[in-house]
Amino acid sequence: MQINLLCIGKTDDKEITSLISYYIKRLPKHWNFEITEIPDVKNARNLSPDLLKKEEARLFLNYIDRTDLVMILDEKGKQFTSREFSQKIDTWMNSSVKKIHLLIGGAYGFSEEIYSRANEKISLSKMTFTHQMIRLFIVEQLYRADQILQGKPYHND
């Protein structure tokens, strides 16, 4: 199984990048985790939000195969506890899914084309966070899910 965090734009904040690296190093090797940062759309300031989302969708879809599982991180998505998220990953590992993409969109979210392609929408919180922070949070939750699946002591259990 391969898990790919697919994002628009780069993470410029060195502290966030350092923390992301900290958790990536602790992820299980058999997840083949990677982060793919898609360059920002050129001349984005000259595009309407709808046109920008369509252009970002085109770029996202260049990385996604027909058989890949696509989960978008979206404020209107379903929220999971860490245990529920770990069970979702366990289900993926025990199914025939070969590649999972977790998508973090641009400033205006996703186009209808991406919503249609998504297998599921998940939300990390009802609060708003920067897209760079979301990268850190999802990588930390992947690490936490692995720890839960290994039966390691979790939280205050």
Protein backbone atom coordinates (compact mmCIF):
# COMPACT_ATOMS: atom_id res chain seq x y z
CA MET A 1 0.00 0.00 0.00
CA GLN A 2 1.14 3.53 -0.71
CA ILE A 3 -0.18 6.65 1.00
CA ASN A 4 0.41 9.93 -0.80
CA LEU A 5 -0.35 13.34 0.66
CA LEU A 6 -1.09 15.40 -2.44
CA CYS A 7 -0.99 19.18 -1.86
CA ILE A 8 -1.13 22.41 -3.80
CA GLY A 9 1.90 24.59 -3.06
CA LYS A 10 4.95 24.21 -0.86
CA THR A 11 5.40 24.38 2.89
CA ASP A 12 7.70 27.33 3.49
CA ASP A 13 7.64 27.38 7.28
CA LYS A 14 10.82 25.63 8.50
CA GLU A 15 9.36 24.71 11.88
CA ILE A 16 6.35 23.02 10.29
CA THR A 17 8.59 21.26 7.76
CA SER A 18 10.78 20.01 10.59
CA LEU A 19 7.81 18.62 12.50
CA ILE A 20 6.41 16.97 9.37
CA SER A 21 9.79 15.28 8.81
CA TYR A 22 9.82 14.14 12.45
CA TYR A 23 6.57 12.20 11.96
CA ILE A 24 7.34 10.95 8.46
CA LYS A 25 10.48 9.22 9.78
CA ARG A 26 8.28 7.32 12.25
CA LEU A 27 5.72 6.07 9.76
CA PRO A 28 5.89 2.39 8.84
CA LYS A 29 7.96 1.72 5.74
CA HIS A 30 5.27 -0.56 4.24
CA TRP A 31 2.96 2.45 3.89
CA ASN A 32 5.39 3.90 1.34
CA PHE A 33 4.33 7.37 2.46
CA GLU A 34 5.22 10.39 0.39
CA ILE A 35 4.21 14.01 0.09
CA THR A 36 3.70 15.38 -3.40
CA GLU A 37 3.67 19.16 -3.53
CA ILE A 38 2.10 20.38 -6.75
CA PRO A 39 3.44 23.80 -7.75
CA ASP A 40 1.00 26.68 -7.39
CA VAL A 41 -0.97 27.50 -10.52
CA LYS A 42 0.78 30.18 -12.58
CA ASN A 43 -1.04 33.51 -12.84
CA ALA A 44 -3.48 32.39 -10.15
CA ARG A 45 -4.21 36.00 -9.25
CA ASN A 46 -5.65 36.54 -12.71
CA LEU A 47 -8.11 33.64 -12.40
CA SER A 48 -11.51 33.56 -10.78
CA PRO A 49 -11.84 31.14 -7.83
CA ASP A 50 -13.81 28.69 -10.02
CA LEU A 51 -11.21 28.73 -12.79
CA LEU A 52 -8.42 28.35 -10.24
CA LYS A 53 -10.12 25.31 -8.68
CA LYS A 54 -10.57 23.77 -12.15
CA GLU A 55 -6.91 24.29 -12.96
CA GLU A 56 -5.88 22.80 -9.62
CA ALA A 57 -8.19 19.83 -10.31
CA ARG A 58 -6.44 19.24 -13.63
CA LEU A 59 -3.10 19.19 -11.80
CA PHE A 60 -4.38 16.85 -9.07
CA LEU A 61 -5.81 14.41 -11.60
CA ASN A 62 -2.41 14.11 -13.30
CA TYR A 63 -1.28 12.18 -10.20
CA ILE A 64 -4.35 10.02 -9.67
CA ASP A 65 -5.04 6.72 -11.43
CA ARG A 66 -8.50 5.29 -11.96
CA THR A 67 -8.04 2.62 -9.28
CA ASP A 68 -6.55 4.91 -6.61
CA LEU A 69 -8.55 5.73 -3.49
CA VAL A 70 -9.01 9.49 -3.08
CA MET A 71 -9.79 11.13 0.24
CA ILE A 72 -10.09 14.89 0.33
CA LEU A 73 -9.47 16.91 3.45
CA ASP A 74 -12.45 19.21 3.47
CA GLU A 75 -14.15 21.30 6.13
CA LYS A 76 -17.48 19.63 5.28
CA GLY A 77 -16.07 16.13 5.55
CA LYS A 78 -16.68 13.50 8.20
CA GLN A 79 -14.76 13.81 11.42
CA PHE A 80 -13.07 10.77 12.95
CA THR A 81 -11.55 10.05 16.31
CA SER A 82 -7.95 8.87 16.12
CA ARG A 83 -9.11 5.31 16.81
CA GLU A 84 -11.72 5.48 14.04
CA PHE A 85 -9.12 6.86 11.62
CA SER A 86 -6.73 4.03 12.52
CA GLN A 87 -9.51 1.51 11.78
CA LYS A 88 -10.04 3.15 8.39
CA ILE A 89 -6.35 2.70 7.61
CA ASP A 90 -6.52 -0.90 8.79
CA THR A 91 -9.44 -1.48 6.42
CA TRP A 92 -7.41 0.00 3.55
CA MET A 93 -4.43 -2.21 4.37
CA ASN A 94 -6.63 -5.32 4.37
CA SER A 95 -8.34 -4.49 1.09
CA SER A 96 -7.04 -4.42 -2.44
CA VAL A 97 -6.30 -0.68 -2.35
CA LYS A 98 -2.82 -0.13 -3.70
CA LYS A 99 -2.59 3.65 -3.52
CA ILE A 100 -4.36 6.19 -1.35
CA HIS A 101 -4.23 9.91 -2.00
CA LEU A 102 -5.05 12.38 0.74
CA LEU A 103 -5.71 15.70 -0.99
CA ILE A 104 -5.22 19.16 0.47
CA GLY A 105 -6.61 21.74 -1.90
CA GLY A 106 -5.77 25.34 -2.57
CA ALA A 107 -7.13 28.45 -0.89
CA TYR A 108 -10.61 28.06 -2.41
CA GLY A 109 -10.98 24.32 -1.84
CA PHE A 110 -11.84 21.82 -4.56
CA SER A 111 -13.68 21.88 -7.86
CA GLU A 112 -16.78 19.78 -8.47
CA GLU A 113 -14.60 17.45 -10.53
CA ILE A 114 -12.51 16.59 -7.46
CA TYR A 115 -15.59 16.24 -5.25
CA SER A 116 -16.99 13.80 -7.81
CA ARG A 117 -13.75 11.81 -7.96
CA ALA A 118 -13.31 11.61 -4.18
CA ASN A 119 -14.15 8.37 -2.45
CA GLU A 120 -14.55 10.17 0.85
CA LYS A 121 -14.29 13.59 2.49
CA ILE A 122 -12.69 13.90 5.89
CA SER A 123 -12.37 16.88 8.19
CA LEU A 124 -9.73 17.26 10.86
CA SER A 125 -11.68 19.94 12.73
CA LYS A 126 -14.51 22.42 12.48
CA MET A 127 -11.88 25.10 12.99
CA THR A 128 -9.93 26.68 10.15
CA PHE A 129 -6.19 26.02 9.89
CA THR A 130 -3.55 26.95 7.34
CA HIS A 131 -2.96 24.40 4.63
CA GLN A 132 0.58 24.03 5.92
CA MET A 133 -0.66 23.16 9.41
CA ILE A 134 -3.09 20.60 7.99
CA ARG A 135 -0.13 18.77 6.43
CA LEU A 136 1.45 18.45 9.86
CA PHE A 137 -1.82 17.38 11.50
CA ILE A 138 -2.59 14.63 8.97
CA VAL A 139 0.96 13.23 9.09
CA GLU A 140 0.80 13.20 12.90
CA GLN A 141 -2.55 11.40 12.74
CA LEU A 142 -1.09 8.81 10.36
CA TYR A 143 1.71 8.22 12.88
CA ARG A 144 -0.83 8.00 15.72
CA ALA A 145 -2.93 5.54 13.69
CA ASP A 146 0.11 3.30 13.24
CA GLN A 147 0.79 3.38 16.98
CA ILE A 148 -2.83 2.45 17.71
CA LEU A 149 -2.75 -0.39 15.16
CA GLN A 150 0.43 -1.73 16.76
CA GLY A 151 -1.35 -1.83 20.13
CA LYS A 152 1.00 0.68 21.69
CA PRO A 153 -0.29 2.62 24.71
CA TYR A 154 -2.53 5.37 23.47
CA HIS A 155 -3.55 8.61 25.16
CA ASN A 156 -4.95 7.92 28.62
CA ASP A 157 -6.02 4.30 28.13
